Amino acid sequence: MSWTWIAVAAAACFVLKLAGLLIPARVLAAPAVARVSEAIPVALLAALIATQTFVSDHRLVVDARLAGLVVAAVLLRLRAPFLVVVLGAAAVAALLRWLNLAS
């Protein structure tokens, strides 16, 4: 990787941070801005989960990761502790792969 691209990325991060500091407080207090700023992290997390669950080698796949995601969703709905959710999802995905029931 070229040092030029690293410097460009660092400068872009600095400018983005500076722009955030220069925005007036009245703009940030607007109801529309508040709604969008609350929705963006949820949308990004949902996109990350979907990408990590359904994409492999630039192809759409359904495998043991989907079963793990379903188990995690059920455990979250049951208000299980986070560690239980993670271990439960991982165990189901590993078990399905070990039994060759999901590729």
PDB file of N, CA and C in Angstrom:
ATOM      1  N   MET A   1       0.845  -1.175   0.000  1.00  0.00           N
ATOM      2  CA  MET A   1       0.000   0.000   0.000  1.00  0.00           C
ATOM      3  C   MET A   1       0.892   1.240   0.000  1.00  0.00           C
ATOM      4  N   SER A   2       0.482   2.205  -0.744  1.00  0.00           N
ATOM      5  CA  SER A   2       1.250   3.428  -0.870  1.00  0.00           C
ATOM      6  C   SER A   2       1.033   4.354   0.326  1.00  0.00           C
ATOM      7  N   TRP A   3       2.107   5.024   0.728  1.00  0.00           N
ATOM      8  CA  TRP A   3       2.003   5.980   1.821  1.00  0.00           C
ATOM      9  C   TRP A   3       1.106   7.148   1.447  1.00  0.00           C
ATOM     10  N   THR A   4       0.993   7.412   0.166  1.00  0.00           N
ATOM     11  CA  THR A   4       0.116   8.500  -0.288  1.00  0.00           C
ATOM     12  C   THR A   4      -1.325   8.207   0.096  1.00  0.00           C
ATOM     13  N   TRP A   5      -1.769   6.978  -0.124  1.00  0.00           N
ATOM     14  CA  TRP A   5      -3.155   6.620   0.221  1.00  0.00           C
ATOM     15  C   TRP A   5      -3.394   6.659   1.721  1.00  0.00           C
ATOM     16  N   ILE A   6      -2.399   6.306   2.498  1.00  0.00           N
ATOM     17  CA  ILE A   6      -2.528   6.383   3.955  1.00  0.00           C
ATOM     18  C   ILE A   6      -2.658   7.838   4.388  1.00  0.00           C
ATOM     19  N   ALA A   7      -1.857   8.703   3.790  1.00  0.00           N
ATOM     20  CA  ALA A   7      -1.939  10.130   4.110  1.00  0.00           C
ATOM     21  C   ALA A   7      -3.280  10.719   3.685  1.00  0.00           C
ATOM     22  N   VAL A   8      -3.797  10.310   2.523  1.00  0.00           N
ATOM     23  CA  VAL A   8      -5.102  10.786   2.058  1.00  0.00           C
ATOM     24  C   VAL A   8      -6.205  10.329   3.008  1.00  0.00           C
ATOM     25  N   ALA A   9      -6.152   9.077   3.434  1.00  0.00           N
ATOM     26  CA  ALA A   9      -7.162   8.558   4.362  1.00  0.00           C
ATOM     27  C   ALA A   9      -7.091   9.288   5.703  1.00  0.00           C
ATOM     28  N   ALA A  10      -5.884   9.539   6.198  1.00  0.00           N
ATOM     29  CA  ALA A  10      -5.727  10.263   7.463  1.00  0.00           C
ATOM     30  C   ALA A  10      -6.265  11.688   7.330  1.00  0.00           C
ATOM     31  N   ALA A  11      -5.980  12.354   6.219  1.00  0.00           N
ATOM     32  CA  ALA A  11      -6.477  13.713   5.999  1.00  0.00           C
ATOM     33  C   ALA A  11      -8.001  13.722   5.892  1.00  0.00           C
ATOM     34  N   ALA A  12      -8.562  12.727   5.215  1.00  0.00           N
ATOM     35  CA  ALA A  12     -10.026  12.650   5.085  1.00  0.00           C
ATOM     36  C   ALA A  12     -10.677  12.452   6.451  1.00  0.00           C
ATOM     37  N   CYS A  13     -10.099  11.612   7.296  1.00  0.00           N
ATOM     38  CA  CYS A  13     -10.630  11.418   8.650  1.00  0.00           C
ATOM     39  C   CYS A  13     -10.560  12.701   9.457  1.00  0.00           C
ATOM     40  N   PHE A  14      -9.454  13.424   9.326  1.00  0.00           N
ATOM     41  CA  PHE A  14      -9.297  14.688  10.044  1.00  0.00           C
ATOM     42  C   PHE A  14     -10.333  15.704   9.583  1.00  0.00           C
ATOM     43  N   VAL A  15     -10.533  15.833   8.274  1.00  0.00           N
ATOM     44  CA  VAL A  15     -11.506  16.786   7.734  1.00  0.00           C
ATOM     45  C   VAL A  15     -12.916  16.398   8.171  1.00  0.00           C
ATOM     46  N   LEU A  16     -13.247  15.123   8.167  1.00  0.00           N
ATOM     47  CA  LEU A  16     -14.566  14.681   8.603  1.00  0.00           C
ATOM     48  C   LEU A  16     -14.787  15.007  10.080  1.00  0.00           C
ATOM     49  N   LYS A  17     -13.787  14.773  10.908  1.00  0.00           N
ATOM     50  CA  LYS A  17     -13.895  15.099  12.336  1.00  0.00           C
ATOM     51  C   LYS A  17     -14.036  16.606  12.529  1.00  0.00           C
ATOM     52  N   LEU A  18     -13.264  17.373  11.792  1.00  0.00           N
ATOM     53  CA  LEU A  18     -13.332  18.824  11.883  1.00  0.00           C
ATOM     54  C   LEU A  18     -14.696  19.338  11.437  1.00  0.00           C
ATOM     55  N   ALA A  19     -15.232  18.775  10.374  1.00  0.00           N
ATOM     56  CA  ALA A  19     -16.556  19.183   9.892  1.00  0.00           C
ATOM     57  C   ALA A  19     -17.615  18.912  10.958  1.00  0.00           C
ATOM     58  N   GLY A  20     -17.502  17.813  11.653  1.00  0.00           N
ATOM     59  CA  GLY A  20     -18.448  17.497  12.714  1.00  0.00           C
ATOM     60  C   GLY A  20     -18.384  18.486  13.864  1.00  0.00           C
ATOM     61  N   LEU A  21     -17.206  18.986  14.136  1.00  0.00           N
ATOM     62  CA  LEU A  21     -17.046  19.967  15.210  1.00  0.00           C
ATOM     63  C   LEU A  21     -17.517  21.363  14.806  1.00  0.00           C
ATOM     64  N   LEU A  22     -17.504  21.650  13.507  1.00  0.00           N
ATOM     65  CA  LEU A  22     -17.875  22.983  13.030  1.00  0.00           C
ATOM     66  C   LEU A  22     -19.372  23.147  12.778  1.00  0.00           C
ATOM     67  N   ILE A  23     -20.117  22.053  12.782  1.00  0.00           N
ATOM     68  CA  ILE A  23     -21.562  22.144  12.561  1.00  0.00           C
ATOM     69  C   ILE A  23     -22.200  22.814  13.773  1.00  0.00           C
ATOM     70  N   PRO A  24     -23.023  23.840  13.548  1.00  0.00           N
ATOM     71  CA  PRO A  24     -23.653  24.533  14.683  1.00  0.00           C
ATOM     72  C   PRO A  24     -24.572  23.601  15.479  1.00  0.00           C
ATOM     73  N   ALA A  25     -24.676  23.852  16.779  1.00  0.00           N
ATOM     74  CA  ALA A  25     -25.482  23.019  17.667  1.00  0.00           C
ATOM     75  C   ALA A  25     -26.959  23.040  17.290  1.00  0.00           C
ATOM     76  N   ARG A  26     -27.449  24.164  16.753  1.00  0.00           N
ATOM     77  CA  ARG A  26     -28.870  24.242  16.379  1.00  0.00           C
ATOM     78  C   ARG A  26     -29.203  23.278  15.244  1.00  0.00           C
ATOM     79  N   VAL A  27     -28.237  23.029  14.367  1.00  0.00           N
ATOM     80  CA  VAL A  27     -28.460  22.072  13.267  1.00  0.00           C
ATOM     81  C   VAL A  27     -28.565  20.659  13.840  1.00  0.00           C
ATOM     82  N   LEU A  28     -27.693  20.343  14.780  1.00  0.00           N
ATOM     83  CA  LEU A  28     -27.695  19.009  15.373  1.00  0.00           C
ATOM     84  C   LEU A  28     -28.913  18.771  16.264  1.00  0.00           C
ATOM     85  N   ALA A  29     -29.531  19.847  16.747  1.00  0.00           N
ATOM     86  CA  ALA A  29     -30.695  19.710  17.624  1.00  0.00           C
ATOM     87  C   ALA A  29     -31.996  19.532  16.842  1.00  0.00           C
ATOM     88  N   ALA A  30     -31.951  19.641  15.536  1.00  0.00           N
ATOM     89  CA  ALA A  30     -33.163  19.491  14.728  1.00  0.00           C
ATOM     90  C   ALA A  30     -33.717  18.075  14.869  1.00  0.00           C
ATOM     91  N   PRO A  31     -35.047  17.917  14.938  1.00  0.00           N
ATOM     92  CA  PRO A  31     -35.646  16.583  15.102  1.00  0.00           C
ATOM     93  C   PRO A  31     -35.289  15.613  13.971  1.00  0.00           C
ATOM     94  N   ALA A  32     -35.227  16.105  12.746  1.00  0.00           N
ATOM     95  CA  ALA A  32     -34.892  15.222  11.618  1.00  0.00           C
ATOM     96  C   ALA A  32     -33.476  14.675  11.752  1.00  0.00           C
ATOM     97  N   VAL A  33     -32.542  15.528  12.162  1.00  0.00           N
ATOM     98  CA  VAL A  33     -31.155  15.099  12.348  1.00  0.00           C
ATOM     99  C   VAL A  33     -31.065  14.074  13.477  1.00  0.00           C
ATOM    100  N   ALA A  34     -31.818  14.296  14.539  1.00  0.00           N
ATOM    101  CA  ALA A  34     -31.818  13.354  15.655  1.00  0.00           C
ATOM    102  C   ALA A  34     -32.352  11.990  15.236  1.00  0.00           C
ATOM    103  N   ARG A  35     -33.429  11.972  14.448  1.00  0.00           N
ATOM    104  CA  ARG A  35     -33.991  10.686  13.990  1.00  0.00           C
ATOM    105  C   ARG A  35     -33.007   9.937  13.103  1.00  0.00           C
ATOM    106  N   VAL A  36     -32.372  10.666  12.192  1.00  0.00           N
ATOM    107  CA  VAL A  36     -31.410  10.022  11.296  1.00  0.00           C
ATOM    108  C   VAL A  36     -30.201   9.508  12.076  1.00  0.00           C
ATOM    109  N   SER A  37     -29.703  10.313  13.013  1.00  0.00           N
ATOM    110  CA  SER A  37     -28.523   9.889  13.768  1.00  0.00           C
ATOM    111  C   SER A  37     -28.819   8.695  14.674  1.00  0.00           C
ATOM    112  N   GLU A  38     -30.067   8.518  15.076  1.00  0.00           N
ATOM    113  CA  GLU A  38     -30.429   7.332  15.854  1.00  0.00           C
ATOM    114  C   GLU A  38     -30.586   6.096  14.975  1.00  0.00           C
ATOM    115  N   ALA A  39     -30.980   6.287  13.722  1.00  0.00           N
ATOM    116  CA  ALA A  39     -31.234   5.155  12.830  1.00  0.00           C
ATOM    117  C   ALA A  39     -29.979   4.638  12.139  1.00  0.00           C
ATOM    118  N   ILE A  40     -28.984   5.478  11.938  1.00  0.00           N
ATOM    119  CA  ILE A  40     -27.795   5.075  11.183  1.00  0.00           C
ATOM    120  C   ILE A  40     -27.051   3.899  11.826  1.00  0.00           C
ATOM    121  N   PRO A  41     -26.767   3.894  13.134  1.00  0.00           N
ATOM    122  CA  PRO A  41     -26.056   2.743  13.704  1.00  0.00           C
ATOM    123  C   PRO A  41     -26.828   1.429  13.556  1.00  0.00           C
ATOM    124  N   VAL A  42     -28.144   1.487  13.687  1.00  0.00           N
ATOM    125  CA  VAL A  42     -28.954   0.277  13.538  1.00  0.00           C
ATOM    126  C   VAL A  42     -28.868  -0.242  12.109  1.00  0.00           C
ATOM    127  N   ALA A  43     -28.968   0.660  11.142  1.00  0.00           N
ATOM    128  CA  ALA A  43     -28.887   0.262   9.740  1.00  0.00           C
ATOM    129  C   ALA A  43     -27.517  -0.312   9.397  1.00  0.00           C
ATOM    130  N   LEU A  44     -26.462   0.307   9.901  1.00  0.00           N
ATOM    131  CA  LEU A  44     -25.113  -0.198   9.633  1.00  0.00           C
ATOM    132  C   LEU A  44     -24.890  -1.568  10.260  1.00  0.00           C
ATOM    133  N   LEU A  45     -25.374  -1.754  11.474  1.00  0.00           N
ATOM    134  CA  LEU A  45     -25.233  -3.055  12.132  1.00  0.00           C
ATOM    135  C   LEU A  45     -26.025  -4.126  11.397  1.00  0.00           C
ATOM    136  N   ALA A  46     -27.233  -3.797  10.949  1.00  0.00           N
ATOM    137  CA  ALA A  46     -28.046  -4.751  10.189  1.00  0.00           C
ATOM    138  C   ALA A  46     -27.355  -5.128   8.872  1.00  0.00           C
ATOM    139  N   ALA A  47     -26.770  -4.148   8.205  1.00  0.00           N
ATOM    140  CA  ALA A  47     -26.061  -4.432   6.952  1.00  0.00           C
ATOM    141  C   ALA A  47     -24.840  -5.313   7.195  1.00  0.00           C
ATOM    142  N   LEU A  48     -24.126  -5.053   8.278  1.00  0.00           N
ATOM    143  CA  LEU A  48     -22.961  -5.874   8.612  1.00  0.00           C
ATOM    144  C   LEU A  48     -23.365  -7.311   8.923  1.00  0.00           C
ATOM    145  N   ILE A  49     -24.435  -7.477   9.686  1.00  0.00           N
ATOM    146  CA  ILE A  49     -24.913  -8.824  10.018  1.00  0.00           C
ATOM    147  C   ILE A  49     -25.352  -9.563   8.764  1.00  0.00           C
ATOM    148  N   ALA A  50     -26.098  -8.886   7.886  1.00  0.00           N
ATOM    149  CA  ALA A  50     -26.561  -9.526   6.651  1.00  0.00           C
ATOM    150  C   ALA A  50     -25.385  -9.921   5.766  1.00  0.00           C
ATOM    151  N   THR A  51     -24.411  -9.039   5.653  1.00  0.00           N
ATOM    152  CA  THR A  51     -23.249  -9.337   4.809  1.00  0.00           C
ATOM    153  C   THR A  51     -22.455 -10.515   5.365  1.00  0.00           C
ATOM    154  N   GLN A  52     -22.228 -10.524   6.660  1.00  0.00           N
ATOM    155  CA  GLN A  52     -21.443 -11.598   7.255  1.00  0.00           C
ATOM    156  C   GLN A  52     -22.194 -12.927   7.291  1.00  0.00           C
ATOM    157  N   THR A  53     -23.526 -12.886   7.246  1.00  0.00           N
ATOM    158  CA  THR A  53     -24.318 -14.108   7.310  1.00  0.00           C
ATOM    159  C   THR A  53     -24.543 -14.720   5.940  1.00  0.00           C
ATOM    160  N   PHE A  54     -24.784 -13.908   4.947  1.00  0.00           N
ATOM    161  CA  PHE A  54     -25.250 -14.428   3.657  1.00  0.00           C
ATOM    162  C   PHE A  54     -24.258 -14.328   2.509  1.00  0.00           C
ATOM    163  N   VAL A  55     -23.056 -13.812   2.726  1.00  0.00           N
ATOM    164  CA  VAL A  55     -22.096 -13.639   1.630  1.00  0.00           C
ATOM    165  C   VAL A  55     -20.842 -14.442   1.919  1.00  0.00           C
ATOM    166  N   SER A  56     -20.397 -15.184   0.906  1.00  0.00           N
ATOM    167  CA  SER A  56     -19.149 -15.923   0.987  1.00  0.00           C
ATOM    168  C   SER A  56     -18.530 -15.965  -0.405  1.00  0.00           C
ATOM    169  N   ASP A  57     -17.291 -15.521  -0.520  1.00  0.00           N
ATOM    170  CA  ASP A  57     -16.592 -15.482  -1.807  1.00  0.00           C
ATOM    171  C   ASP A  57     -17.408 -14.749  -2.864  1.00  0.00           C
ATOM    172  N   HIS A  58     -17.956 -13.620  -2.508  1.00  0.00           N
ATOM    173  CA  HIS A  58     -18.737 -12.779  -3.428  1.00  0.00           C
ATOM    174  C   HIS A  58     -19.970 -13.488  -3.964  1.00  0.00           C
ATOM    175  N   ARG A  59     -20.478 -14.459  -3.231  1.00  0.00           N
ATOM    176  CA  ARG A  59     -21.694 -15.171  -3.624  1.00  0.00           C
ATOM    177  C   ARG A  59     -22.671 -15.170  -2.464  1.00  0.00           C
ATOM    178  N   LEU A  60     -23.942 -15.223  -2.799  1.00  0.00           N
ATOM    179  CA  LEU A  60     -24.993 -15.315  -1.795  1.00  0.00           C
ATOM    180  C   LEU A  60     -25.136 -16.772  -1.382  1.00  0.00           C
ATOM    181  N   VAL A  61     -25.015 -17.045  -0.081  1.00  0.00           N
ATOM    182  CA  VAL A  61     -25.085 -18.420   0.413  1.00  0.00           C
ATOM    183  C   VAL A  61     -25.983 -18.498   1.639  1.00  0.00           C
ATOM    184  N   VAL A  62     -26.559 -19.662   1.845  1.00  0.00           N
ATOM    185  CA  VAL A  62     -27.307 -19.954   3.072  1.00  0.00           C
ATOM    186  C   VAL A  62     -26.676 -21.203   3.658  1.00  0.00           C
ATOM    187  N   ASP A  63     -26.093 -21.054   4.839  1.00  0.00           N
ATOM    188  CA  ASP A  63     -25.417 -22.185   5.464  1.00  0.00           C
ATOM    189  C   ASP A  63     -25.643 -22.150   6.980  1.00  0.00           C
ATOM    190  N   ALA A  64     -24.736 -22.735   7.721  1.00  0.00           N
ATOM    191  CA  ALA A  64     -24.890 -22.849   9.173  1.00  0.00           C
ATOM    192  C   ALA A  64     -24.919 -21.498   9.873  1.00  0.00           C
ATOM    193  N   ARG A  65     -24.362 -20.479   9.234  1.00  0.00           N
ATOM    194  CA  ARG A  65     -24.382 -19.149   9.854  1.00  0.00           C
ATOM    195  C   ARG A  65     -25.809 -18.640  10.031  1.00  0.00           C
ATOM    196  N   LEU A  66     -26.689 -18.987   9.099  1.00  0.00           N
ATOM    197  CA  LEU A  66     -28.082 -18.558   9.218  1.00  0.00           C
ATOM    198  C   LEU A  66     -28.738 -19.212  10.435  1.00  0.00           C
ATOM    199  N   ALA A  67     -28.475 -20.485  10.641  1.00  0.00           N
ATOM    200  CA  ALA A  67     -29.019 -21.166  11.823  1.00  0.00           C
ATOM    201  C   ALA A  67     -28.481 -20.531  13.099  1.00  0.00           C
ATOM    202  N   GLY A  68     -27.211 -20.176  13.107  1.00  0.00           N
ATOM    203  CA  GLY A  68     -26.637 -19.499  14.259  1.00  0.00           C
ATOM    204  C   GLY A  68     -27.282 -18.145  14.501  1.00  0.00           C
ATOM    205  N   LEU A  69     -27.573 -17.435  13.439  1.00  0.00           N
ATOM    206  CA  LEU A  69     -28.240 -16.140  13.569  1.00  0.00           C
ATOM    207  C   LEU A  69     -29.652 -16.292  14.118  1.00  0.00           C
ATOM    208  N   VAL A  70     -30.355 -17.316  13.659  1.00  0.00           N
ATOM    209  CA  VAL A  70     -31.711 -17.564  14.157  1.00  0.00           C
ATOM    210  C   VAL A  70     -31.675 -17.910  15.648  1.00  0.00           C
ATOM    211  N   VAL A  71     -30.739 -18.748  16.047  1.00  0.00           N
ATOM    212  CA  VAL A  71     -30.601 -19.099  17.466  1.00  0.00           C
ATOM    213  C   VAL A  71     -30.265 -17.855  18.287  1.00  0.00           C
ATOM    214  N   ALA A  72     -29.369 -17.018  17.773  1.00  0.00           N
ATOM    215  CA  ALA A  72     -29.023 -15.788  18.487  1.00  0.00           C
ATOM    216  C   ALA A  72     -30.241 -14.882  18.636  1.00  0.00           C
ATOM    217  N   ALA A  73     -31.047 -14.766  17.587  1.00  0.00           N
ATOM    218  CA  ALA A  73     -32.244 -13.920  17.652  1.00  0.00           C
ATOM    219  C   ALA A  73     -33.229 -14.453  18.684  1.00  0.00           C
ATOM    220  N   VAL A  74     -33.404 -15.773  18.711  1.00  0.00           N
ATOM    221  CA  VAL A  74     -34.322 -16.370  19.688  1.00  0.00           C
ATOM    222  C   VAL A  74     -33.813 -16.145  21.109  1.00  0.00           C
ATOM    223  N   LEU A  75     -32.523 -16.344  21.325  1.00  0.00           N
ATOM    224  CA  LEU A  75     -31.956 -16.141  22.658  1.00  0.00           C
ATOM    225  C   LEU A  75     -32.028 -14.672  23.086  1.00  0.00           C
ATOM    226  N   LEU A  76     -31.828 -13.774  22.141  1.00  0.00           N
ATOM    227  CA  LEU A  76     -31.979 -12.356  22.470  1.00  0.00           C
ATOM    228  C   LEU A  76     -33.420 -12.023  22.830  1.00  0.00           C
ATOM    229  N   ARG A  77     -34.349 -12.620  22.091  1.00  0.00           N
ATOM    230  CA  ARG A  77     -35.775 -12.392  22.383  1.00  0.00           C
ATOM    231  C   ARG A  77     -36.137 -12.914  23.771  1.00  0.00           C
ATOM    232  N   LEU A  78     -35.481 -13.981  24.181  1.00  0.00           N
ATOM    233  CA  LEU A  78     -35.707 -14.546  25.520  1.00  0.00           C
ATOM    234  C   LEU A  78     -34.906 -13.812  26.593  1.00  0.00           C
ATOM    235  N   ARG A  79     -34.203 -12.755  26.192  1.00  0.00           N
ATOM    236  CA  ARG A  79     -33.395 -11.928  27.084  1.00  0.00           C
ATOM    237  C   ARG A  79     -32.276 -12.707  27.770  1.00  0.00           C
ATOM    238  N   ALA A  80     -31.653 -13.604  27.024  1.00  0.00           N
ATOM    239  CA  ALA A  80     -30.512 -14.359  27.559  1.00  0.00           C
ATOM    240  C   ALA A  80     -29.300 -13.421  27.657  1.00  0.00           C
ATOM    241  N   PRO A  81     -28.378 -13.698  28.554  1.00  0.00           N
ATOM    242  CA  PRO A  81     -27.151 -12.890  28.641  1.00  0.00           C
ATOM    243  C   PRO A  81     -26.358 -12.969  27.325  1.00  0.00           C
ATOM    244  N   PHE A  82     -25.609 -11.911  27.052  1.00  0.00           N
ATOM    245  CA  PHE A  82     -24.896 -11.820  25.775  1.00  0.00           C
ATOM    246  C   PHE A  82     -23.966 -13.010  25.549  1.00  0.00           C
ATOM    247  N   LEU A  83     -23.260 -13.427  26.566  1.00  0.00           N
ATOM    248  CA  LEU A  83     -22.340 -14.560  26.416  1.00  0.00           C
ATOM    249  C   LEU A  83     -23.094 -15.829  26.031  1.00  0.00           C
ATOM    250  N   VAL A  84     -24.265 -16.040  26.596  1.00  0.00           N
ATOM    251  CA  VAL A  84     -25.099 -17.198  26.239  1.00  0.00           C
ATOM    252  C   VAL A  84     -25.531 -17.105  24.782  1.00  0.00           C
ATOM    253  N   VAL A  85     -25.882 -15.910  24.332  1.00  0.00           N
ATOM    254  CA  VAL A  85     -26.298 -15.710  22.935  1.00  0.00           C
ATOM    255  C   VAL A  85     -25.158 -16.069  21.994  1.00  0.00           C
ATOM    256  N   VAL A  86     -23.982 -15.548  22.264  1.00  0.00           N
ATOM    257  CA  VAL A  86     -22.828 -15.800  21.389  1.00  0.00           C
ATOM    258  C   VAL A  86     -22.451 -17.278  21.394  1.00  0.00           C
ATOM    259  N   LEU A  87     -22.356 -17.870  22.571  1.00  0.00           N
ATOM    260  CA  LEU A  87     -21.978 -19.287  22.649  1.00  0.00           C
ATOM    261  C   LEU A  87     -23.039 -20.196  22.040  1.00  0.00           C
ATOM    262  N   GLY A  88     -24.315 -19.869  22.235  1.00  0.00           N
ATOM    263  CA  GLY A  88     -25.391 -20.670  21.651  1.00  0.00           C
ATOM    264  C   GLY A  88     -25.365 -20.634  20.131  1.00  0.00           C
ATOM    265  N   ALA A  89     -25.206 -19.443  19.577  1.00  0.00           N
ATOM    266  CA  ALA A  89     -25.154 -19.315  18.114  1.00  0.00           C
ATOM    267  C   ALA A  89     -23.943 -20.036  17.547  1.00  0.00           C
ATOM    268  N   ALA A  90     -22.790 -19.872  18.197  1.00  0.00           N
ATOM    269  CA  ALA A  90     -21.577 -20.538  17.718  1.00  0.00           C
ATOM    270  C   ALA A  90     -21.700 -22.054  17.823  1.00  0.00           C
ATOM    271  N   ALA A  91     -22.289 -22.542  18.908  1.00  0.00           N
ATOM    272  CA  ALA A  91     -22.438 -23.989  19.093  1.00  0.00           C
ATOM    273  C   ALA A  91     -23.355 -24.593  18.039  1.00  0.00           C
ATOM    274  N   VAL A  92     -24.461 -23.924  17.739  1.00  0.00           N
ATOM    275  CA  VAL A  92     -25.383 -24.453  16.726  1.00  0.00           C
ATOM    276  C   VAL A  92     -24.716 -24.471  15.351  1.00  0.00           C
ATOM    277  N   ALA A  93     -24.035 -23.387  14.993  1.00  0.00           N
ATOM    278  CA  ALA A  93     -23.356 -23.353  13.691  1.00  0.00           C
ATOM    279  C   ALA A  93     -22.269 -24.419  13.608  1.00  0.00           C
ATOM    280  N   ALA A  94     -21.492 -24.568  14.689  1.00  0.00           N
ATOM    281  CA  ALA A  94     -20.428 -25.574  14.689  1.00  0.00           C
ATOM    282  C   ALA A  94     -20.995 -26.987  14.621  1.00  0.00           C
ATOM    283  N   LEU A  95     -22.069 -27.231  15.338  1.00  0.00           N
ATOM    284  CA  LEU A  95     -22.680 -28.561  15.332  1.00  0.00           C
ATOM    285  C   LEU A  95     -23.213 -28.904  13.948  1.00  0.00           C
ATOM    286  N   LEU A  96     -23.888 -27.952  13.293  1.00  0.00           N
ATOM    287  CA  LEU A  96     -24.394 -28.220  11.949  1.00  0.00           C
ATOM    288  C   LEU A  96     -23.273 -28.481  10.962  1.00  0.00           C
ATOM    289  N   ARG A  97     -22.184 -27.745  11.089  1.00  0.00           N
ATOM    290  CA  ARG A  97     -21.043 -27.975  10.186  1.00  0.00           C
ATOM    291  C   ARG A  97     -20.369 -29.320  10.490  1.00  0.00           C
ATOM    292  N   TRP A  98     -20.269 -29.662  11.766  1.00  0.00           N
ATOM    293  CA  TRP A  98     -19.645 -30.919  12.139  1.00  0.00           C
ATOM    294  C   TRP A  98     -20.453 -32.120  11.636  1.00  0.00           C
ATOM    295  N   LEU A  99     -21.784 -31.992  11.675  1.00  0.00           N
ATOM    296  CA  LEU A  99     -22.642 -33.064  11.210  1.00  0.00           C
ATOM    297  C   LEU A  99     -22.875 -33.027   9.694  1.00  0.00           C
ATOM    298  N   ASN A 100     -22.239 -32.073   9.029  1.00  0.00           N
ATOM    299  CA  ASN A 100     -22.372 -31.883   7.569  1.00  0.00           C
ATOM    300  C   ASN A 100     -23.835 -31.639   7.154  1.00  0.00           C
ATOM    301  N   LEU A 101     -24.600 -30.982   8.019  1.00  0.00           N
ATOM    302  CA  LEU A 101     -25.987 -30.659   7.680  1.00  0.00           C
ATOM    303  C   LEU A 101     -26.078 -29.302   6.983  1.00  0.00           C
ATOM    304  N   ALA A 102     -25.071 -28.487   7.114  1.00  0.00           N
ATOM    305  CA  ALA A 102     -25.006 -27.190   6.437  1.00  0.00           C
ATOM    306  C   ALA A 102     -23.575 -26.940   6.053  1.00  0.00           C
ATOM    307  N   SER A 103     -23.372 -26.546   4.833  1.00  0.00           N
ATOM    308  CA  SER A 103     -21.988 -26.334   4.342  1.00  0.00           C
ATOM    309  C   SER A 103     -21.348 -25.154   4.968  1.00  0.00           C
TER     310      SER A 103
END
